[in-house]
């Protein structure tokens, strides 16, 4: 493996946890957190012997993958952003930033994989792919890394910058502004939640996760 590269994994929507004094609203489970994302993020981080930073609270409380000024930063407390940012948001964001800085003391480049999941059907439309690789097309090293990953992911069905744009407001987008394109490669990995269902769970467990790990190992050599 290339000793000049380090991996960092994050899972912004890892938890459905809410403070004890809050009654959970009646919403779809995916509104609370990214189903299955933390489970696969732990596997990837363990297999790559790399740090994982995971959110501890539901995105309904505070969305760690949105900018502080975003109007939908909090579903539950839209008018109490200052407290949420200080207590829940900044500790996660600062831990990630400091971890990247620490890694750059020992490595020349950090590959940040932000782990998410998406619903198979959105507004009645089927999302007929397994993996979304999100990156910033203007950062050529990110584009190259996403392309290399995609070559090693079949039979998983892959799309670039889907179901969201890689340049949309988010954690990775913010970090790109803090580090140079050579120091920091920020990729968002979106996995279709259909892969976690009973019908496809064995395929995901024995084939899907293995393909992602193989693609990450190849990135270490790029």
Protein backbone atom coordinates (compact mmCIF):
# COMPACT_ATOMS: atom_id res chain seq x y z
CA UNK A 1 0.00 0.00 0.00
CA UNK A 2 1.06 3.58 -0.66
CA UNK A 3 2.28 4.90 2.69
CA UNK A 4 1.74 8.47 1.46
CA UNK A 5 -2.05 8.12 1.47
CA UNK A 6 -4.42 7.81 4.42
CA UNK A 7 -8.13 7.04 4.49
CA UNK A 8 -10.69 8.73 6.69
CA UNK A 9 -14.30 7.57 6.89
CA UNK A 10 -17.20 9.61 8.20
CA UNK A 11 -20.87 8.81 8.62
CA UNK A 12 -22.78 12.02 9.20
CA UNK A 13 -26.20 10.35 9.47
CA UNK A 14 -25.16 7.31 11.50
CA UNK A 15 -27.67 7.58 14.36
CA UNK A 16 -31.41 7.92 14.90
CA UNK A 17 -30.84 9.00 18.51
CA UNK A 18 -32.79 11.93 19.95
CA UNK A 19 -32.58 13.56 23.40
CA UNK A 20 -34.65 11.67 25.97
CA UNK A 21 -37.11 14.50 26.49
CA UNK A 22 -38.15 14.56 22.82
CA UNK A 23 -40.98 12.42 21.50
CA UNK A 24 -39.96 11.04 18.09
CA UNK A 25 -42.18 12.43 15.30
CA UNK A 26 -44.12 10.04 13.08
CA UNK A 27 -41.89 10.09 10.03
CA UNK A 28 -40.32 7.53 7.72
CA UNK A 29 -37.31 5.84 9.30
CA UNK A 30 -34.96 7.29 6.68
CA UNK A 31 -35.83 10.79 7.86
CA UNK A 32 -34.08 10.02 11.16
CA UNK A 33 -30.83 8.65 9.74
CA UNK A 34 -29.21 6.86 6.78
CA UNK A 35 -30.32 3.25 7.18
CA UNK A 36 -27.41 0.82 6.93
CA UNK A 37 -24.75 3.50 6.41
CA UNK A 38 -23.05 3.18 9.80
CA UNK A 39 -22.91 -0.61 9.51
CA UNK A 40 -21.06 -0.59 6.20
CA UNK A 41 -18.90 2.39 7.22
CA UNK A 42 -17.62 0.42 10.22
CA UNK A 43 -16.72 -2.53 7.99
CA UNK A 44 -14.86 -0.32 5.52
CA UNK A 45 -12.95 1.55 8.23
CA UNK A 46 -11.99 -1.69 9.97
CA UNK A 47 -10.85 -3.41 6.79
CA UNK A 48 -8.86 -0.34 5.72
CA UNK A 49 -7.43 0.10 9.23
CA UNK A 50 -8.58 3.73 9.16
CA UNK A 51 -10.41 6.13 11.49
CA UNK A 52 -14.19 6.46 11.40
CA UNK A 53 -15.99 9.51 12.74
CA UNK A 54 -19.74 8.98 13.11
CA UNK A 55 -22.54 11.31 14.07
CA UNK A 56 -24.18 10.53 17.40
CA UNK A 57 -27.55 12.21 16.88
CA UNK A 58 -30.42 12.05 14.42
CA UNK A 59 -30.39 14.49 11.52
CA UNK A 60 -33.82 15.62 12.74
CA UNK A 61 -32.00 17.24 15.67
CA UNK A 62 -29.14 18.64 13.59
CA UNK A 63 -27.99 17.69 10.11
CA UNK A 64 -24.21 17.34 10.21
CA UNK A 65 -24.09 17.23 6.42
CA UNK A 66 -25.47 20.74 5.97
CA UNK A 67 -23.88 24.15 6.39
CA UNK A 68 -24.67 26.09 9.59
CA UNK A 69 -26.66 28.65 7.57
CA UNK A 70 -28.80 26.01 5.82
CA UNK A 71 -32.54 26.65 6.43
CA UNK A 72 -33.11 22.93 7.10
CA UNK A 73 -30.22 22.44 9.52
CA UNK A 74 -32.72 21.20 12.12
CA UNK A 75 -36.20 19.75 11.64
CA UNK A 76 -37.01 19.84 15.36
CA UNK A 77 -35.47 23.16 16.41
CA UNK A 78 -35.23 25.44 13.37
CA UNK A 79 -35.08 28.56 15.58
CA UNK A 80 -32.45 27.35 18.03
CA UNK A 81 -29.49 26.93 15.70
CA UNK A 82 -26.91 28.57 17.97
CA UNK A 83 -27.32 25.96 20.70
CA UNK A 84 -27.40 23.09 18.23
CA UNK A 85 -24.27 24.26 16.43
CA UNK A 86 -22.30 24.71 19.63
CA UNK A 87 -23.42 21.51 21.37
CA UNK A 88 -23.84 18.96 18.58
CA UNK A 89 -22.62 20.29 15.24
CA UNK A 90 -19.21 21.84 15.81
CA UNK A 91 -17.73 18.98 17.89
CA UNK A 92 -18.28 16.60 14.94
CA UNK A 93 -17.08 19.06 12.32
CA UNK A 94 -13.99 20.07 14.30
CA UNK A 95 -13.09 16.46 15.07
CA UNK A 96 -13.13 15.65 11.36
CA UNK A 97 -11.11 18.72 10.43
CA UNK A 98 -8.51 18.06 13.15
CA UNK A 99 -8.22 14.40 12.15
CA UNK A 100 -7.44 15.41 8.57
CA UNK A 101 -4.83 17.89 9.81
CA UNK A 102 -3.28 15.21 12.02
CA UNK A 103 -3.16 12.71 9.17
CA UNK A 104 -1.51 15.26 6.89
CA UNK A 105 1.37 15.50 9.35
CA UNK A 106 2.22 11.89 8.48
CA UNK A 107 0.78 11.48 4.97
CA UNK A 108 0.79 13.62 1.86
CA UNK A 109 -2.84 12.94 0.98
CA UNK A 110 -6.09 12.07 2.78
CA UNK A 111 -8.88 10.23 0.98
CA UNK A 112 -12.09 11.05 2.79
CA UNK A 113 -15.02 8.69 2.20
CA UNK A 114 -18.28 10.10 3.52
CA UNK A 115 -20.72 7.18 3.88
CA UNK A 116 -24.44 7.55 3.18
CA UNK A 117 -27.45 5.59 1.95
CA UNK A 118 -30.46 6.48 -0.18
CA UNK A 119 -34.01 5.23 -0.57
CA UNK A 120 -34.67 2.99 -3.63
CA UNK A 121 -37.79 4.96 -4.55
CA UNK A 122 -38.04 8.75 -4.44
CA UNK A 123 -41.25 10.60 -5.33
CA UNK A 124 -42.51 7.47 -7.05
CA UNK A 125 -39.40 7.08 -9.22
CA UNK A 126 -37.24 3.96 -8.99
CA UNK A 127 -33.55 4.60 -8.43
CA UNK A 128 -32.17 1.70 -10.43
CA UNK A 129 -28.54 1.71 -9.30
CA UNK A 130 -26.64 0.38 -6.28
CA UNK A 131 -23.87 2.92 -5.73
CA UNK A 132 -23.60 6.65 -6.17
CA UNK A 133 -20.10 8.14 -6.29
CA UNK A 134 -20.20 11.86 -5.57
CA UNK A 135 -17.27 14.13 -6.37
CA UNK A 136 -16.44 17.63 -7.60
CA UNK A 137 -15.83 17.50 -11.39
CA UNK A 138 -13.61 20.59 -11.18
CA UNK A 139 -11.15 18.69 -8.97
CA UNK A 140 -9.49 16.36 -11.44
CA UNK A 141 -7.92 14.08 -8.82
CA UNK A 142 -11.35 13.43 -7.31
CA UNK A 143 -12.78 12.68 -10.73
CA UNK A 144 -9.91 10.30 -11.41
CA UNK A 145 -10.31 8.52 -8.07
CA UNK A 146 -14.07 8.12 -8.60
CA UNK A 147 -13.44 6.66 -12.04
CA UNK A 148 -10.87 4.19 -10.70
CA UNK A 149 -13.30 3.10 -7.97
CA UNK A 150 -16.10 2.57 -10.46
CA UNK A 151 -13.98 0.21 -12.57
CA UNK A 152 -13.74 -2.23 -9.66
CA UNK A 153 -17.32 -2.08 -8.40
CA UNK A 154 -19.27 -4.24 -10.93
CA UNK A 155 -21.54 -6.17 -10.69
CA UNK A 156 -22.73 -3.26 -8.53
CA UNK A 157 -24.52 -0.69 -10.68
CA UNK A 158 -22.73 2.64 -10.36
CA UNK A 159 -23.63 6.23 -11.20
CA UNK A 160 -21.57 9.38 -10.80
CA UNK A 161 -22.97 12.30 -8.81
CA UNK A 162 -26.28 10.56 -8.17
CA UNK A 163 -28.70 10.63 -6.48
CA UNK A 164 -27.21 14.01 -5.51
CA UNK A 165 -24.60 16.35 -6.94
CA UNK A 166 -21.13 16.06 -5.49
CA UNK A 167 -20.91 19.84 -5.25
CA UNK A 168 -24.12 20.28 -3.23
CA UNK A 169 -24.03 21.87 0.20
CA UNK A 170 -22.44 19.38 2.59
CA UNK A 171 -19.55 18.32 4.79
CA UNK A 172 -17.24 17.25 1.97
CA UNK A 173 -17.96 20.42 -0.01
CA UNK A 174 -16.94 22.48 3.02
CA UNK A 175 -13.73 20.53 3.53
CA UNK A 176 -12.68 21.05 -0.07
CA UNK A 177 -12.40 24.74 0.77
CA UNK A 178 -10.04 24.00 3.67
CA UNK A 179 -7.51 21.81 1.88
CA UNK A 180 -5.80 21.75 -1.51
CA UNK A 181 -6.93 19.28 -4.21
CA UNK A 182 -3.72 17.31 -3.77
CA UNK A 183 -3.96 17.10 0.03
CA UNK A 184 -7.64 16.21 0.18
CA UNK A 185 -9.72 13.84 -1.94
CA UNK A 186 -13.35 14.05 -0.85
CA UNK A 187 -15.75 11.37 -2.12
CA UNK A 188 -19.27 10.65 -0.96
CA UNK A 189 -20.38 7.03 -1.16
CA UNK A 190 -24.14 6.57 -1.49
CA UNK A 191 -25.50 3.02 -1.18
CA UNK A 192 -29.02 2.05 -2.22
CA UNK A 193 -30.90 0.85 0.88
CA UNK A 194 -32.37 -1.94 -1.23
CA UNK A 195 -29.03 -3.71 -0.72
CA UNK A 196 -29.78 -4.04 3.00
CA UNK A 197 -33.14 -5.77 2.51
CA UNK A 198 -33.58 -9.50 3.12
CA UNK A 199 -33.79 -10.22 -0.60
CA UNK A 200 -30.37 -8.73 -1.37
CA UNK A 201 -28.58 -8.86 1.98
CA UNK A 202 -26.48 -11.92 1.12
CA UNK A 203 -25.39 -10.36 -2.17
CA UNK A 204 -24.41 -7.19 -0.33
CA UNK A 205 -22.63 -9.07 2.47
CA UNK A 206 -20.59 -11.38 0.25
CA UNK A 207 -20.23 -9.43 -2.99
CA UNK A 208 -21.17 -5.77 -2.61
CA UNK A 209 -19.06 -4.83 0.39
CA UNK A 210 -16.14 -6.84 -1.00
CA UNK A 211 -16.22 -4.88 -4.26
CA UNK A 212 -16.11 -1.57 -2.41
CA UNK A 213 -13.15 -2.71 -0.29
CA UNK A 214 -11.31 -3.86 -3.42
CA UNK A 215 -11.91 -0.50 -5.08
CA UNK A 216 -10.54 1.31 -2.00
CA UNK A 217 -7.45 -0.88 -1.97
CA UNK A 218 -6.82 0.08 -5.59
CA UNK A 219 -7.15 3.78 -4.67
CA UNK A 220 -4.33 3.30 -2.22
CA UNK A 221 -2.08 2.48 -5.16
CA UNK A 222 -3.19 5.29 -7.50
